[in-house]
Amino acid sequence: MFSNFLIGLREGLEASLVVCILIAYLVKTGNRNRLLPIWIGVAIAVVVSLAFGAGLEFGSQEMTFKAQEALGGSLSIVSVGLVTWMVFWMRRTARHLKTELHGKLDAALAMGTGALVATALLAVGREGLETSLFVWRAVHAADDGWHPMIGALLGIAAAVVLGWLFYRGALRINLSKFFTWTGGMLVVVAAGVLAYGVHDLQEAEFIGGLHNQAFDISSTIPPDSWYGTLLKGTFNFQPDPTVLQITVWALYLLPTLALFLSPVGFGRSGGPASGATDQKARKATDENPEADSAGDGSRGGGDGAVRDGERVRDGARRAGSGTGGDRG
């Protein structure tokens, strides 16, 4: 339930922030009369997301067991890919999301009502489709399908409230840190979803190794215990995983989490971090000009002394020749 609350909160907050930014920009620029296309785009995105989830649910019921497992395993891998891309994308663009959306909205205003609808639809629909896919997979992985659904709905409701508070100016948090922490937790959740998807593909006999178990701790952590249910609902924990599941889980989780949490490489492509570094270097140079001037003086000091000596000797000669002429 917690993992689905987390995915609902994060995806819902992204969508809420996008809608708040679009609405606030239209209001501040005197385009309040263009708000209706934004809300139409949001409504279409919600309907498409719900229809996508319903299609997955009712479409899979007509399949055989192996076909259902193959579909579920394949969609698990797809959802992990989408979530991974999403957390890395938000990590890079969280600070510039407002500017990016303003630029898109200016272009949409110039193009007309249809462009405004499409802007809101695409911005919100992406999060909606990802949420539908991820929650549908979690519902089928859980023994009780209502708990994941309730968790996701609570997360989305909390995201809507937070988005409204952001818009009203009543709440301020560091979005970069928020998305970093929630993104790291989602990477851990995605690793469990990926391992469970591999197990589904093994049950569908799409890949082998189903009976090659890495370990079995069912007696220590019974699947029907409260803590076993909590671990399964949160991290898709399985007390008797196969060797392939453990291998895939480790190969995804360790490098992905290390790369996501590492500060290296996220601000070196001409972004704000590199610009701030260059600005600091220029400021330090401007505030300490004596070093450069002293260096130049030391390099040219010998030549300056020679030229000054030559000018003194030339002046003395002219003075002597002038005195000799008066005497004659």
Foldseek 3Di string as FASTA:
>chain_A
DQQLLLLLQVLLLQLLQLLLLLCVVCVVVVNNVLNVLLVLLQVVLLVVLVVLLVCLVVVLVPDDLLVSLLVLLVLLVVLLVLLLVVLLVCLQCVVPVSVVSVVQVVVLVVVDSVSSSVSNNVSSNSSSNSSSSVLSSLLVLAPHNVVSVVSSVNSNVVSNVVSVCVSVVNDDDDVSVVSLVSSLQNLQQSLLSNLVSVQSCCVSVVDHQNPQWPAAPCVVQPCPDPVNNVCCSRRVDDRTGTPVSVVSSCVRNPVSSCVSPDPPPSADPPHPVVVVVVVVVVVVCVVDVVVVVVVVCVVCVVVVVVVVVVVVVVVVVVVVVVVVVVVD
